[in-house]
Protein backbone atom coordinates (compact mmCIF):
# COMPACT_ATOMS: atom_id res chain seq x y z
CA MET A 1 72.37 51.10 97.90
CA GLN A 2 70.65 53.89 97.11
CA ARG A 3 70.53 56.07 100.22
CA VAL A 4 75.41 55.38 100.05
CA GLU A 5 75.42 56.59 96.55
CA LYS A 6 72.98 59.84 97.31
CA ILE A 7 75.35 60.79 100.29
CA TRP A 8 78.62 60.14 98.73
CA GLN A 9 77.23 62.31 95.32
CA GLU A 10 76.66 65.06 98.72
CA LEU A 11 80.25 64.86 100.29
CA SER A 12 81.73 64.70 96.60
CA ALA A 13 80.44 68.39 95.46
CA GLN A 14 81.02 69.63 98.94
CA PRO A 15 84.86 70.05 98.12
CA GLN A 16 83.39 71.53 94.93
CA GLU A 17 81.52 73.86 96.62
CA VAL A 18 84.78 74.77 98.76
CA GLU A 19 86.07 75.34 95.79
CA LEU A 20 84.35 77.13 93.61
CA ALA A 21 83.78 79.48 97.52
CA LYS A 22 88.14 79.81 97.29
CA ALA A 23 88.17 81.25 93.41
CA ASP A 24 85.30 83.51 94.27
CA ASP A 25 87.22 84.94 97.66
CA ILE A 26 90.86 85.39 95.21
CA LEU A 27 89.14 87.33 92.56
CA ARG A 28 87.12 89.08 94.82
CA GLY A 29 91.16 89.71 97.17
CA VAL A 30 92.84 90.54 93.46
CA SER A 31 89.28 93.82 93.49
CA SER A 32 90.10 94.69 96.23
CA LEU A 33 93.87 95.51 95.48
CA ALA A 34 92.86 97.06 91.94
CA THR A 35 90.58 99.35 93.77
CA LEU A 36 93.47 100.21 95.70
CA PHE A 37 96.12 100.94 93.58
CA LEU A 38 93.41 102.97 91.06
CA ASN A 39 91.97 104.86 94.35
CA SER A 40 96.51 105.32 95.29
CA ARG A 41 97.16 106.22 91.77
CA ASN A 42 94.50 108.58 90.90
CA GLN A 43 95.40 110.25 94.61
CA LEU A 44 98.86 110.33 93.21
CA GLN A 45 98.34 111.57 89.75
CA ASN A 46 96.63 114.22 91.24
CA ALA A 47 99.02 115.43 93.76
CA GLY A 48 101.56 115.36 90.30
CA PHE A 49 98.81 117.76 88.83
CA ASP A 50 98.34 120.33 91.95
CA ALA A 51 102.82 120.57 92.01
CA LEU A 52 103.10 121.45 89.44
CA GLN A 53 100.54 123.54 89.64
CA ASP A 54 102.19 125.20 92.29
CA TYR A 55 105.84 124.68 91.40
CA ASP A 56 104.77 126.88 88.55
CA LYS A 57 103.86 129.53 90.79
CA VAL A 58 107.55 129.01 91.92
CA GLU A 59 108.74 129.08 88.91
CA ALA A 60 107.17 132.97 88.89
CA GLY A 61 108.46 133.98 91.70
CA VAL A 62 111.90 132.25 91.51
CA LYS A 63 112.06 134.65 88.88
CA GLU A 64 110.69 137.86 89.72
CA GLN A 65 112.94 137.65 93.22
CA GLU A 66 115.89 137.27 90.36
CA ARG A 67 115.03 140.65 88.54
CA ALA A 68 114.58 142.29 92.10
CA ILE A 69 118.53 140.96 93.82
CA ASN A 70 119.78 142.44 89.79
CA ASP A 71 118.64 145.95 90.22
CA PHE A 72 120.01 145.40 93.92
CA LYS A 73 123.26 144.65 91.87
CA SER A 74 123.32 147.57 89.86
CA ALA A 75 121.30 150.40 92.15
CA ALA A 76 124.23 148.73 94.32
CA LYS A 77 127.22 148.89 92.13
CA GLU A 78 126.60 151.92 90.55
CA LEU A 79 126.44 153.37 94.60
CA GLY A 80 129.80 151.96 95.09
CA ILE A 81 129.03 149.59 98.03
CA ASP A 82 129.21 146.40 98.61
CA LEU A 83 126.52 142.80 97.90
CA PRO A 84 124.66 143.27 101.28
CA ASN A 85 125.02 139.12 103.05
CA GLU A 86 120.82 138.59 103.11
CA VAL A 87 121.29 139.20 99.49
CA LYS A 88 123.90 137.92 98.98
CA THR A 89 122.40 134.38 101.27
CA ALA A 90 119.12 135.38 99.51
CA GLU A 91 120.70 134.99 95.97
CA LYS A 92 122.07 131.30 96.84
CA ASP A 93 118.71 130.25 98.57
CA LEU A 94 117.06 131.06 94.54
CA GLN A 95 119.61 128.36 93.28
CA ASP A 96 119.34 126.49 95.43
CA ILE A 97 115.80 126.93 95.08
CA SER A 98 115.90 127.15 91.47
CA THR A 99 117.14 123.06 91.20
CA GLY A 100 115.21 121.38 93.39
CA LEU A 101 112.21 122.75 90.86
CA GLY A 102 114.11 121.53 88.10
CA ARG A 103 113.82 118.29 89.81
CA ALA A 104 110.54 118.38 91.45
CA LYS A 105 108.64 119.44 88.33
CA LYS A 106 110.90 116.58 86.76
CA LEU A 107 108.41 113.87 89.18
CA ALA A 108 105.54 114.98 89.53
CA THR A 109 105.48 115.70 86.25
CA GLU A 110 106.17 111.60 86.14
CA ALA A 111 102.99 111.33 89.50
CA SER A 112 101.02 113.47 87.31
CA LYS A 113 101.03 111.04 83.81
CA MET A 114 100.26 108.16 85.75
């Protein structure tokens, strides 16, 4: 009878070990997901910081080119010549860049705050 009780105790202990192993697996799985999330968030945050630095350079370049265009327009007006199509195109392109830059800076700022 003692032998049967001993075997029963051993068998009863096995499912508990399996349940504990499942709990450990769950904990490892969640820990792995947390690590992946944190690494991805850090990458996004760093990309946001890097993009903001680049956008500052783009913004300075846009202002410089806008001044150059305005100077060219003034000179063309004084000389009484029409503004070349290349300058008109460049001016439109700068406006598009400025519009996109504003949106991009908002996104990069949000990313850098994660």
